[in-house]
Amino acid sequence: GTVHFKVTPVYTANSEPVDGARVEILATSSEDEEAYHTFAINRPEEP
C-alpha cells in the first residue's frame, strides 16, 4: 500500500537545511524487477 517518506537533507559541512533541492525516490524490487518512482517535495510550512 502507500508508504510515506520524509527526507531531510542538510549540508554536511555546516548542517544547514538544503533549500530548493531536488529529491527523487526510486524503489526497485529484486524479485520481479518492478520499480516505483516519485519526487519528494517540501511544503511552505515545513521547508
ModelCIF file with pLDDT and N, C-alpha, C, O atoms, coordinates in Angstrom:
data_MODEL
#
_entry.id   MODEL 
#
_entity.id                         1 
_entity.type                       polymer 
_entity.pdbx_number_of_molecules   1 
#
_entity_poly.entity_id                      1 
_entity_poly.type                           'polypeptide(L)' 
_entity_poly.nstd_linkage                   no 
_entity_poly.nstd_monomer                   no 
_entity_poly.pdbx_seq_one_letter_code       GTVHFKVTPVYTANSEPVDGARVEILATSSEDEEAYHTFAINRPEEP 
_entity_poly.pdbx_seq_one_letter_code_can   GTVHFKVTPVYTANSEPVDGARVEILATSSEDEEAYHTFAINRPEEP 
_entity_poly.pdbx_strand_id                 A 
#
loop_
_entity_poly_seq.entity_id 
_entity_poly_seq.num 
_entity_poly_seq.mon_id 
_entity_poly_seq.hetero 
1 1  GLY n 
1 2  THR n 
1 3  VAL n 
1 4  HIS n 
1 5  PHE n 
1 6  LYS n 
1 7  VAL n 
1 8  THR n 
1 9  PRO n 
1 10 VAL n 
1 11 TYR n 
1 12 THR n 
1 13 ALA n 
1 14 ASN n 
1 15 SER n 
1 16 GLU n 
1 17 PRO n 
1 18 VAL n 
1 19 ASP n 
1 20 GLY n 
1 21 ALA n 
1 22 ARG n 
1 23 VAL n 
1 24 GLU n 
1 25 ILE n 
1 26 LEU n 
1 27 ALA n 
1 28 THR n 
1 29 SER n 
1 30 SER n 
1 31 GLU n 
1 32 ASP n 
1 33 GLU n 
1 34 GLU n 
1 35 ALA n 
1 36 TYR n 
1 37 HIS n 
1 38 THR n 
1 39 PHE n 
1 40 ALA n 
1 41 ILE n 
1 42 ASN n 
1 43 ARG n 
1 44 PRO n 
1 45 GLU n 
1 46 GLU n 
1 47 PRO n 
#
_struct_asym.id          A 
_struct_asym.entity_id   1 
#
loop_
_ma_qa_metric.id 
_ma_qa_metric.mode 
_ma_qa_metric.name 
_ma_qa_metric.software_group_id 
_ma_qa_metric.type 
1 global pLDDT . pLDDT 
2 local  pLDDT . pLDDT 
#
_ma_qa_metric_global.metric_id      1 
_ma_qa_metric_global.metric_value   91.81 
_ma_qa_metric_global.model_id       1 
_ma_qa_metric_global.ordinal_id     1 
#
loop_
_ma_qa_metric_local.label_asym_id 
_ma_qa_metric_local.label_comp_id 
_ma_qa_metric_local.label_seq_id 
_ma_qa_metric_local.metric_id 
_ma_qa_metric_local.metric_value 
_ma_qa_metric_local.model_id 
_ma_qa_metric_local.ordinal_id 
A GLY 1  2 92.00 1 1  
A THR 2  2 94.00 1 2  
A VAL 3  2 96.00 1 3  
A HIS 4  2 97.00 1 4  
A PHE 5  2 97.00 1 5  
A LYS 6  2 97.00 1 6  
A VAL 7  2 97.00 1 7  
A THR 8  2 97.00 1 8  
A PRO 9  2 97.00 1 9  
A VAL 10 2 96.00 1 10 
A TYR 11 2 96.00 1 11 
A THR 12 2 95.00 1 12 
A ALA 13 2 94.00 1 13 
A ASN 14 2 95.00 1 14 
A SER 15 2 94.00 1 15 
A GLU 16 2 94.00 1 16 
A PRO 17 2 94.00 1 17 
A VAL 18 2 93.00 1 18 
A ASP 19 2 90.00 1 19 
A GLY 20 2 92.00 1 20 
A ALA 21 2 94.00 1 21 
A ARG 22 2 96.00 1 22 
A VAL 23 2 97.00 1 23 
A GLU 24 2 97.00 1 24 
A ILE 25 2 97.00 1 25 
A LEU 26 2 96.00 1 26 
A ALA 27 2 95.00 1 27 
A THR 28 2 94.00 1 28 
A SER 29 2 88.00 1 29 
A SER 30 2 76.00 1 30 
A GLU 31 2 73.00 1 31 
A ASP 32 2 65.00 1 32 
A GLU 33 2 73.00 1 33 
A GLU 34 2 81.00 1 34 
A ALA 35 2 90.00 1 35 
A TYR 36 2 93.00 1 36 
A HIS 37 2 95.00 1 37 
A THR 38 2 95.00 1 38 
A PHE 39 2 96.00 1 39 
A ALA 40 2 97.00 1 40 
A ILE 41 2 95.00 1 41 
A ASN 42 2 92.00 1 42 
A ARG 43 2 89.00 1 43 
A PRO 44 2 87.00 1 44 
A GLU 45 2 89.00 1 45 
A GLU 46 2 88.00 1 46 
A PRO 47 2 90.00 1 47 
#
loop_
_atom_site.group_PDB 
_atom_site.id 
_atom_site.type_symbol 
_atom_site.label_atom_id 
_atom_site.label_alt_id 
_atom_site.label_comp_id 
_atom_site.label_asym_id 
_atom_site.label_entity_id 
_atom_site.label_seq_id 
_atom_site.pdbx_PDB_ins_code 
_atom_site.Cartn_x 
_atom_site.Cartn_y 
_atom_site.Cartn_z 
_atom_site.occupancy 
_atom_site.B_iso_or_equiv 
_atom_site.pdbx_formal_charge 
_atom_site.auth_seq_id 
_atom_site.auth_comp_id 
_atom_site.auth_asym_id 
_atom_site.auth_atom_id 
_atom_site.pdbx_PDB_model_num 
ATOM 1   N N  . GLY A 1 1  ? 0.843  -1.190  0.000   1.00 92.00 ? 1  GLY A N  1 
ATOM 2   C CA . GLY A 1 1  ? 0.000  0.000   0.000   1.00 92.00 ? 1  GLY A CA 1 
ATOM 3   C C  . GLY A 1 1  ? 0.878  1.240   0.000   1.00 92.00 ? 1  GLY A C  1 
ATOM 4   O O  . GLY A 1 1  ? 2.020  1.199   -0.458  1.00 92.00 ? 1  GLY A O  1 
ATOM 5   N N  . THR A 1 2  ? 0.349  2.333   0.510   1.00 94.00 ? 2  THR A N  1 
ATOM 6   C CA . THR A 1 2  ? 1.053  3.600   0.495   1.00 94.00 ? 2  THR A CA 1 
ATOM 7   C C  . THR A 1 2  ? 2.097  3.659   1.605   1.00 94.00 ? 2  THR A C  1 
ATOM 8   O O  . THR A 1 2  ? 1.806  3.397   2.772   1.00 94.00 ? 2  THR A O  1 
ATOM 9   N N  . VAL A 1 3  ? 3.311  4.009   1.213   1.00 96.00 ? 3  VAL A N  1 
ATOM 10  C CA . VAL A 1 3  ? 4.405  4.210   2.160   1.00 96.00 ? 3  VAL A CA 1 
ATOM 11  C C  . VAL A 1 3  ? 4.845  5.656   2.019   1.00 96.00 ? 3  VAL A C  1 
ATOM 12  O O  . VAL A 1 3  ? 5.094  6.131   0.911   1.00 96.00 ? 3  VAL A O  1 
ATOM 13  N N  . HIS A 1 4  ? 4.939  6.358   3.146   1.00 97.00 ? 4  HIS A N  1 
ATOM 14  C CA . HIS A 1 4  ? 5.299  7.780   3.174   1.00 97.00 ? 4  HIS A CA 1 
ATOM 15  C C  . HIS A 1 4  ? 6.773  7.919   3.555   1.00 97.00 ? 4  HIS A C  1 
ATOM 16  O O  . HIS A 1 4  ? 7.266  7.234   4.452   1.00 97.00 ? 4  HIS A O  1 
ATOM 17  N N  . PHE A 1 5  ? 7.465  8.820   2.855   1.00 97.00 ? 5  PHE A N  1 
ATOM 18  C CA . PHE A 1 5  ? 8.867  9.078   3.134   1.00 97.00 ? 5  PHE A CA 1 
ATOM 19  C C  . PHE A 1 5  ? 9.051  10.557  3.474   1.00 97.00 ? 5  PHE A C  1 
ATOM 20  O O  . PHE A 1 5  ? 8.510  11.434  2.800   1.00 97.00 ? 5  PHE A O  1 
ATOM 21  N N  . LYS A 1 6  ? 9.816  10.817  4.523   1.00 97.00 ? 6  LYS A N  1 
ATOM 22  C CA . LYS A 1 6  ? 10.186 12.187  4.863   1.00 97.00 ? 6  LYS A CA 1 
ATOM 23  C C  . LYS A 1 6  ? 11.703 12.252  4.791   1.00 97.00 ? 6  LYS A C  1 
ATOM 24  O O  . LYS A 1 6  ? 12.403 11.611  5.574   1.00 97.00 ? 6  LYS A O  1 
ATOM 25  N N  . VAL A 1 7  ? 12.202 13.038  3.836   1.00 97.00 ? 7  VAL A N  1 
ATOM 26  C CA . VAL A 1 7  ? 13.638 13.160  3.596   1.00 97.00 ? 7  VAL A CA 1 
ATOM 27  C C  . VAL A 1 7  ? 14.075 14.536  4.095   1.00 97.00 ? 7  VAL A C  1 
ATOM 28  O O  . VAL A 1 7  ? 13.502 15.557  3.716   1.00 97.00 ? 7  VAL A O  1 
ATOM 29  N N  . THR A 1 8  ? 15.089 14.548  4.944   1.00 97.00 ? 8  THR A N  1 
ATOM 30  C CA . THR A 1 8  ? 15.610 15.799  5.475   1.00 97.00 ? 8  THR A CA 1 
ATOM 31  C C  . THR A 1 8  ? 17.073 15.927  5.051   1.00 97.00 ? 8  THR A C  1 
ATOM 32  O O  . THR A 1 8  ? 17.955 15.336  5.674   1.00 97.00 ? 8  THR A O  1 
ATOM 33  N N  . PRO A 1 9  ? 17.329 16.697  3.994   1.00 97.00 ? 9  PRO A N  1 
ATOM 34  C CA . PRO A 1 9  ? 18.728 16.887  3.573   1.00 97.00 ? 9  PRO A CA 1 
ATOM 35  C C  . PRO A 1 9  ? 19.332 18.140  4.232   1.00 97.00 ? 9  PRO A C  1 
ATOM 36  O O  . PRO A 1 9  ? 18.678 19.176  4.353   1.00 97.00 ? 9  PRO A O  1 
ATOM 37  N N  . VAL A 1 10 ? 20.583 18.013  4.647   1.00 96.00 ? 10 VAL A N  1 
ATOM 38  C CA . VAL A 1 10 ? 21.347 19.152  5.159   1.00 96.00 ? 10 VAL A CA 1 
ATOM 39  C C  . VAL A 1 10 ? 22.722 19.121  4.498   1.00 96.00 ? 10 VAL A C  1 
ATOM 40  O O  . VAL A 1 10 ? 23.166 18.091  3.990   1.00 96.00 ? 10 VAL A O  1 
ATOM 41  N N  . TYR A 1 11 ? 23.379 20.275  4.520   1.00 96.00 ? 11 TYR A N  1 
ATOM 42  C CA . TYR A 1 11 ? 24.756 20.325  4.027   1.00 96.00 ? 11 TYR A CA 1 
ATOM 43  C C  . TYR A 1 11 ? 25.653 19.658  5.056   1.00 96.00 ? 11 TYR A C  1 
ATOM 44  O O  . TYR A 1 11 ? 25.569 19.963  6.246   1.00 96.00 ? 11 TYR A O  1 
ATOM 45  N N  . THR A 1 12 ? 26.503 18.756  4.610   1.00 95.00 ? 12 THR A N  1 
ATOM 46  C CA . THR A 1 12 ? 27.401 18.045  5.509   1.00 95.00 ? 12 THR A CA 1 
ATOM 47  C C  . THR A 1 12 ? 28.343 19.009  6.223   1.00 95.00 ? 12 THR A C  1 
ATOM 48  O O  . THR A 1 12 ? 28.649 18.808  7.398   1.00 95.00 ? 12 THR A O  1 
ATOM 49  N N  . ALA A 1 13 ? 28.801 20.034  5.546   1.00 94.00 ? 13 ALA A N  1 
ATOM 50  C CA . ALA A 1 13 ? 29.792 20.959  6.101   1.00 94.00 ? 13 ALA A CA 1 
ATOM 51  C C  . ALA A 1 13 ? 29.274 21.758  7.290   1.00 94.00 ? 13 ALA A C  1 
ATOM 52  O O  . ALA A 1 13 ? 30.021 21.999  8.238   1.00 94.00 ? 13 ALA A O  1 
ATOM 53  N N  . ASN A 1 14 ? 27.996 22.176  7.257   1.00 95.00 ? 14 ASN A N  1 
ATOM 54  C CA . ASN A 1 14 ? 27.507 23.065  8.316   1.00 95.00 ? 14 ASN A CA 1 
ATOM 55  C C  . ASN A 1 14 ? 26.137 22.676  8.889   1.00 95.00 ? 14 ASN A C  1 
ATOM 56  O O  . ASN A 1 14 ? 25.599 23.407  9.721   1.00 95.00 ? 14 ASN A O  1 
ATOM 57  N N  . SER A 1 15 ? 25.577 21.572  8.474   1.00 94.00 ? 15 SER A N  1 
ATOM 58  C CA . SER A 1 15 ? 24.276 21.075  8.937   1.00 94.00 ? 15 SER A CA 1 
ATOM 59  C C  . SER A 1 15 ? 23.114 22.025  8.667   1.00 94.00 ? 15 SER A C  1 
ATOM 60  O O  . SER A 1 15 ? 22.071 21.927  9.313   1.00 94.00 ? 15 SER A O  1 
ATOM 61  N N  . GLU A 1 16 ? 23.284 22.933  7.727   1.00 94.00 ? 16 GLU A N  1 
ATOM 62  C CA . GLU A 1 16 ? 22.204 23.841  7.324   1.00 94.00 ? 16 GLU A CA 1 
ATOM 63  C C  . GLU A 1 16 ? 21.251 23.101  6.382   1.00 94.00 ? 16 GLU A C  1 
ATOM 64  O O  . GLU A 1 16 ? 21.694 22.271  5.588   1.00 94.00 ? 16 GLU A O  1 
ATOM 65  N N  . PRO A 1 17 ? 19.952 23.390  6.461   1.00 94.00 ? 17 PRO A N  1 
ATOM 66  C CA . PRO A 1 17 ? 18.997 22.739  5.548   1.00 94.00 ? 17 PRO A CA 1 
ATOM 67  C C  . PRO A 1 17 ? 19.287 23.094  4.092   1.00 94.00 ? 17 PRO A C  1 
ATOM 68  O O  . PRO A 1 17 ? 19.762 24.187  3.783   1.00 94.00 ? 17 PRO A O  1 
ATOM 69  N N  . VAL A 1 18 ? 18.990 22.151  3.214   1.00 93.00 ? 18 VAL A N  1 
ATOM 70  C CA . VAL A 1 18 ? 19.178 22.363  1.774   1.00 93.00 ? 18 VAL A CA 1 
ATOM 71  C C  . VAL A 1 18 ? 17.855 22.883  1.217   1.00 93.00 ? 18 VAL A C  1 
ATOM 72  O O  . VAL A 1 18 ? 16.880 22.139  1.107   1.00 93.00 ? 18 VAL A O  1 
ATOM 73  N N  . ASP A 1 19 ? 17.836 24.146  0.873   1.00 90.00 ? 19 ASP A N  1 
ATOM 74  C CA . ASP A 1 19 ? 16.630 24.763  0.336   1.00 90.00 ? 19 ASP A CA 1 
ATOM 75  C C  . ASP A 1 19 ? 16.639 24.638  -1.180  1.00 90.00 ? 19 ASP A C  1 
ATOM 76  O O  . ASP A 1 19 ? 17.666 24.865  -1.819  1.00 90.00 ? 19 ASP A O  1 
ATOM 77  N N  . GLY A 1 20 ? 15.502 24.277  -1.753  1.00 92.00 ? 20 GLY A N  1 
ATOM 78  C CA . GLY A 1 20 ? 15.390 24.177  -3.207  1.00 92.00 ? 20 GLY A CA 1 
ATOM 79  C C  . GLY A 1 20 ? 16.052 22.953  -3.800  1.00 92.00 ? 20 GLY A C  1 
ATOM 80  O O  . GLY A 1 20 ? 16.459 22.972  -4.962  1.00 92.00 ? 20 GLY A O  1 
ATOM 81  N N  . ALA A 1 21 ? 16.167 21.895  -3.027  1.00 94.00 ? 21 ALA A N  1 
ATOM 82  C CA . ALA A 1 21 ? 16.780 20.663  -3.535  1.00 94.00 ? 21 ALA A CA 1 
ATOM 83  C C  . ALA A 1 21 ? 15.794 19.892  -4.409  1.00 94.00 ? 21 ALA A C  1 
ATOM 84  O O  . ALA A 1 21 ? 14.582 20.087  -4.328  1.00 94.00 ? 21 ALA A O  1 
ATOM 85  N N  . ARG A 1 22 ? 16.326 19.040  -5.219  1.00 96.00 ? 22 ARG A N  1 
ATOM 86  C CA . ARG A 1 22 ? 15.530 18.088  -5.998  1.00 96.00 ? 22 ARG A CA 1 
ATOM 87  C C  . ARG A 1 22 ? 15.742 16.733  -5.340  1.00 96.00 ? 22 ARG A C  1 
ATOM 88  O O  . ARG A 1 22 ? 16.862 16.224  -5.290  1.00 96.00 ? 22 ARG A O  1 
ATOM 89  N N  . VAL A 1 23 ? 14.661 16.154  -4.837  1.00 97.00 ? 23 VAL A N  1 
ATOM 90  C CA . VAL A 1 23 ? 14.762 14.887  -4.106  1.00 97.00 ? 23 VAL A CA 1 
ATOM 91  C C  . VAL A 1 23 ? 13.930 13.839  -4.846  1.00 97.00 ? 23 VAL A C  1 
ATOM 92  O O  . VAL A 1 23 ? 12.717 13.984  -5.001  1.00 97.00 ? 23 VAL A O  1 
ATOM 93  N N  . GLU A 1 24 ? 14.601 12.793  -5.293  1.00 97.00 ? 24 GLU A N  1 
ATOM 94  C CA . GLU A 1 24 ? 13.944 11.703  -6.013  1.00 97.00 ? 24 GLU A CA 1 
ATOM 95  C C  . GLU A 1 24 ? 14.053 10.420  -5.204  1.00 97.00 ? 24 GLU A C  1 
ATOM 96  O O  . GLU A 1 24 ? 15.062 10.159  -4.550  1.00 97.00 ? 24 GLU A O  1 
ATOM 97  N N  . ILE A 1 25 ? 12.994 9.628   -5.265  1.00 97.00 ? 25 ILE A N  1 
ATOM 98  C CA . ILE A 1 25 ? 12.991 8.329   -4.593  1.00 97.00 ? 25 ILE A CA 1 
ATOM 99  C C  . ILE A 1 25 ? 12.643 7.267   -5.633  1.00 97.00 ? 25 ILE A C  1 
ATOM 100 O O  . ILE A 1 25 ? 11.636 7.379   -6.332  1.00 97.00 ? 25 ILE A O  1 
ATOM 101 N N  . LEU A 1 26 ? 13.475 6.248   -5.727  1.00 96.00 ? 26 LEU A N  1 
ATOM 102 C CA . LEU A 1 26 ? 13.253 5.148   -6.660  1.00 96.00 ? 26 LEU A CA 1 
ATOM 103 C C  . LEU A 1 26 ? 13.281 3.847   -5.866  1.00 96.00 ? 26 LEU A C  1 
ATOM 104 O O  . LEU A 1 26 ? 14.251 3.558   -5.166  1.00 96.00 ? 26 LEU A O  1 
ATOM 105 N N  . ALA A 1 27 ? 12.218 3.072   -5.979  1.00 95.00 ? 27 ALA A N  1 
ATOM 106 C CA . ALA A 1 27 ? 12.136 1.773   -5.301  1.00 95.00 ? 27 ALA A CA 1 
ATOM 107 C C  . ALA A 1 27 ? 12.138 0.683   -6.354  1.00 95.00 ? 27 ALA A C  1 
ATOM 108 O O  . ALA A 1 27 ? 11.346 0.714   -7.295  1.00 95.00 ? 27 ALA A O  1 
ATOM 109 N N  . THR A 1 28 ? 13.036 -0.287  -6.190  1.00 94.00 ? 28 THR A N  1 
ATOM 110 C CA . THR A 1 28 ? 13.080 -1.414  -7.127  1.00 94.00 ? 28 THR A CA 1 
ATOM 111 C C  . THR A 1 28 ? 13.000 -2.722  -6.346  1.00 94.00 ? 28 THR A C  1 
ATOM 112 O O  . THR A 1 28 ? 13.541 -2.855  -5.249  1.00 94.00 ? 28 THR A O  1 
ATOM 113 N N  . SER A 1 29 ? 12.313 -3.669  -6.949  1.00 88.00 ? 29 SER A N  1 
ATOM 114 C CA . SER A 1 29 ? 12.147 -4.977  -6.335  1.00 88.00 ? 29 SER A CA 1 
ATOM 115 C C  . SER A 1 29 ? 13.123 -5.943  -6.969  1.00 88.00 ? 29 SER A C  1 
ATOM 116 O O  . SER A 1 29 ? 13.251 -5.999  -8.192  1.00 88.00 ? 29 SER A O  1 
ATOM 117 N N  . SER A 1 30 ? 13.805 -6.697  -6.143  1.00 76.00 ? 30 SER A N  1 
ATOM 118 C CA . SER A 1 30 ? 14.764 -7.665  -6.674  1.00 76.00 ? 30 SER A CA 1 
ATOM 119 C C  . SER A 1 30 ? 14.064 -8.887  -7.256  1.00 76.00 ? 30 SER A C  1 
ATOM 120 O O  . SER A 1 30 ? 14.628 -9.580  -8.103  1.00 76.00 ? 30 SER A O  1 
ATOM 121 N N  . GLU A 1 31 ? 12.839 -9.156  -6.807  1.00 73.00 ? 31 GLU A N  1 
ATOM 122 C CA . GLU A 1 31 ? 12.159 -10.367 -7.230  1.00 73.00 ? 31 GLU A CA 1 
ATOM 123 C C  . GLU A 1 31 ? 11.560 -10.281 -8.631  1.00 73.00 ? 31 GLU A C  1 
ATOM 124 O O  . GLU A 1 31 ? 11.765 -11.183 -9.444  1.00 73.00 ? 31 GLU A O  1 
ATOM 125 N N  . ASP A 1 32 ? 10.828 -9.219  -8.922  1.00 65.00 ? 32 ASP A N  1 
ATOM 126 C CA . ASP A 1 32 ? 10.196 -9.145  -10.235 1.00 65.00 ? 32 ASP A CA 1 
ATOM 127 C C  . ASP A 1 32 ? 10.615 -7.905  -11.018 1.00 65.00 ? 32 ASP A C  1 
ATOM 128 O O  . ASP A 1 32 ? 10.003 -7.549  -12.025 1.00 65.00 ? 32 ASP A O  1 
ATOM 129 N N  . GLU A 1 33 ? 11.653 -7.270  -10.541 1.00 73.00 ? 33 GLU A N  1 
ATOM 130 C CA . GLU A 1 33 ? 12.236 -6.107  -11.205 1.00 73.00 ? 33 GLU A CA 1 
ATOM 131 C C  . GLU A 1 33 ? 11.224 -4.998  -11.471 1.00 73.00 ? 33 GLU A C  1 
ATOM 132 O O  . GLU A 1 33 ? 11.341 -4.263  -12.451 1.00 73.00 ? 33 GLU A O  1 
ATOM 133 N N  . GLU A 1 34 ? 10.241 -4.885  -10.602 1.00 81.00 ? 34 GLU A N  1 
ATOM 134 C CA . GLU A 1 34 ? 9.275  -3.797  -10.696 1.00 81.00 ? 34 GLU A CA 1 
ATOM 135 C C  . GLU A 1 34 ? 9.885  -2.565  -10.032 1.00 81.00 ? 34 GLU A C  1 
ATOM 136 O O  . GLU A 1 34 ? 10.671 -2.686  -9.092  1.00 81.00 ? 34 GLU A O  1 
ATOM 137 N N  . ALA A 1 35 ? 9.522  -1.382  -10.521 1.00 90.00 ? 35 ALA A N  1 
ATOM 138 C CA . ALA A 1 35 ? 10.089 -0.157  -9.959  1.00 90.00 ? 35 ALA A CA 1 
ATOM 139 C C  . ALA A 1 35 ? 8.997  0.899   -9.774  1.00 90.00 ? 35 ALA A C  1 
ATOM 140 O O  . ALA A 1 35 ? 8.047  0.983   -10.553 1.00 90.00 ? 35 ALA A O  1 
ATOM 141 N N  . TYR A 1 36 ? 9.159  1.690   -8.732  1.00 93.00 ? 36 TYR A N  1 
ATOM 142 C CA . TYR A 1 36 ? 8.281  2.823   -8.454  1.00 93.00 ? 36 TYR A CA 1 
ATOM 143 C C  . TYR A 1 36 ? 9.153  4.054   -8.262  1.00 93.00 ? 36 TYR A C  1 
ATOM 144 O O  . TYR A 1 36 ? 10.255 3.970   -7.721  1.00 93.00 ? 36 TYR A O  1 
ATOM 145 N N  . HIS A 1 37 ? 8.651  5.192   -8.710  1.00 95.00 ? 37 HIS A N  1 
ATOM 146 C CA . HIS A 1 37 ? 9.431  6.429   -8.683  1.00 95.00 ? 37 HIS A CA 1 
ATOM 147 C C  . HIS A 1 37 ? 8.554  7.583   -8.231  1.00 95.00 ? 37 HIS A C  1 
ATOM 148 O O  . HIS A 1 37 ? 7.383  7.667   -8.603  1.00 95.00 ? 37 HIS A O  1 
ATOM 149 N N  . THR A 1 38 ? 9.122  8.471   -7.426  1.00 95.00 ? 38 THR A N  1 
ATOM 150 C CA . THR A 1 38 ? 8.411  9.678   -7.031  1.00 95.00 ? 38 THR A CA 1 
ATOM 151 C C  . THR A 1 38 ? 9.411  10.777  -6.710  1.00 95.00 ? 38 THR A C  1 
ATOM 152 O O  . THR A 1 38 ? 10.587 10.517  -6.456  1.00 95.00 ? 38 THR A O  1 
ATOM 153 N N  . PHE A 1 39 ? 8.927  11.991  -6.725  1.00 96.00 ? 39 PHE A N  1 
ATOM 154 C CA . PHE A 1 39 ? 9.709  13.132  -6.267  1.00 96.00 ? 39 PHE A CA 1 
ATOM 155 C C  . PHE A 1 39 ? 9.179  13.509  -4.890  1.00 96.00 ? 39 PHE A C  1 
ATOM 156 O O  . PHE A 1 39 ? 7.968  13.519  -4.665  1.00 96.00 ? 39 PHE A O  1 
ATOM 157 N N  . ALA A 1 40 ? 10.075 13.814  -3.985  1.00 97.00 ? 40 ALA A N  1 
ATOM 158 C CA . ALA A 1 40 ? 9.674  14.308  -2.669  1.00 97.00 ? 40 ALA A CA 1 
ATOM 159 C C  . ALA A 1 40 ? 9.735  15.831  -2.732  1.00 97.00 ? 40 ALA A C  1 
ATOM 160 O O  . ALA A 1 40 ? 10.701 16.403  -3.236  1.00 97.00 ? 40 ALA A O  1 
ATOM 161 N N  . ILE A 1 41 ? 8.704  16.471  -2.220  1.00 95.00 ? 41 ILE A N  1 
ATOM 162 C CA . ILE A 1 41 ? 8.651  17.927  -2.266  1.00 95.00 ? 41 ILE A CA 1 
ATOM 163 C C  . ILE A 1 41 ? 8.531  18.481  -0.849  1.00 95.00 ? 41 ILE A C  1 
ATOM 164 O O  . ILE A 1 41 ? 8.038  17.816  0.062   1.00 95.00 ? 41 ILE A O  1 
ATOM 165 N N  . ASN A 1 42 ? 8.997  19.715  -0.693  1.00 92.00 ? 42 ASN A N  1 
ATOM 166 C CA . ASN A 1 42 ? 8.856  20.353  0.612   1.00 92.00 ? 42 ASN A CA 1 
ATOM 167 C C  . ASN A 1 42 ? 7.644  21.266  0.593   1.00 92.00 ? 42 ASN A C  1 
ATOM 168 O O  . ASN A 1 42 ? 7.202  21.722  -0.462  1.00 92.00 ? 42 ASN A O  1 
ATOM 169 N N  . ARG A 1 43 ? 7.122  21.521  1.771   1.00 89.00 ? 43 ARG A N  1 
ATOM 170 C CA . ARG A 1 43 ? 5.933  22.354  1.923   1.00 89.00 ? 43 ARG A CA 1 
ATOM 171 C C  . ARG A 1 43 ? 6.349  23.682  2.543   1.00 89.00 ? 43 ARG A C  1 
ATOM 172 O O  . ARG A 1 43 ? 7.317  23.735  3.303   1.00 89.00 ? 43 ARG A O  1 
ATOM 173 N N  . PRO A 1 44 ? 5.631  24.751  2.228   1.00 87.00 ? 44 PRO A N  1 
ATOM 174 C CA . PRO A 1 44 ? 5.991  26.049  2.794   1.00 87.00 ? 44 PRO A CA 1 
ATOM 175 C C  . PRO A 1 44 ? 5.996  26.060  4.328   1.00 87.00 ? 44 PRO A C  1 
ATOM 176 O O  . PRO A 1 44 ? 6.812  26.750  4.940   1.00 87.00 ? 44 PRO A O  1 
ATOM 177 N N  . GLU A 1 45 ? 5.098  25.306  4.941   1.00 89.00 ? 45 GLU A N  1 
ATOM 178 C CA . GLU A 1 45 ? 5.050  25.289  6.404   1.00 89.00 ? 45 GLU A CA 1 
ATOM 179 C C  . GLU A 1 45 ? 6.144  24.418  7.023   1.00 89.00 ? 45 GLU A C  1 
ATOM 180 O O  . GLU A 1 45 ? 6.374  24.471  8.231   1.00 89.00 ? 45 GLU A O  1 
ATOM 181 N N  . GLU A 1 46 ? 6.811  23.624  6.200   1.00 88.00 ? 46 GLU A N  1 
ATOM 182 C CA . GLU A 1 46 ? 7.857  22.724  6.680   1.00 88.00 ? 46 GLU A CA 1 
ATOM 183 C C  . GLU A 1 46 ? 8.958  22.627  5.611   1.00 88.00 ? 46 GLU A C  1 
ATOM 184 O O  . GLU A 1 46 ? 9.156  21.560  5.030   1.00 88.00 ? 46 GLU A O  1 
ATOM 185 N N  . PRO A 1 47 ? 9.670  23.725  5.350   1.00 90.00 ? 47 PRO A N  1 
ATOM 186 C CA . PRO A 1 47 ? 10.563 23.768  4.192   1.00 90.00 ? 47 PRO A CA 1 
ATOM 187 C C  . PRO A 1 47 ? 11.799 22.872  4.274   1.00 90.00 ? 47 PRO A C  1 
ATOM 188 O O  . PRO A 1 47 ? 12.605 22.846  3.344   1.00 90.00 ? 47 PRO A O  1 
#
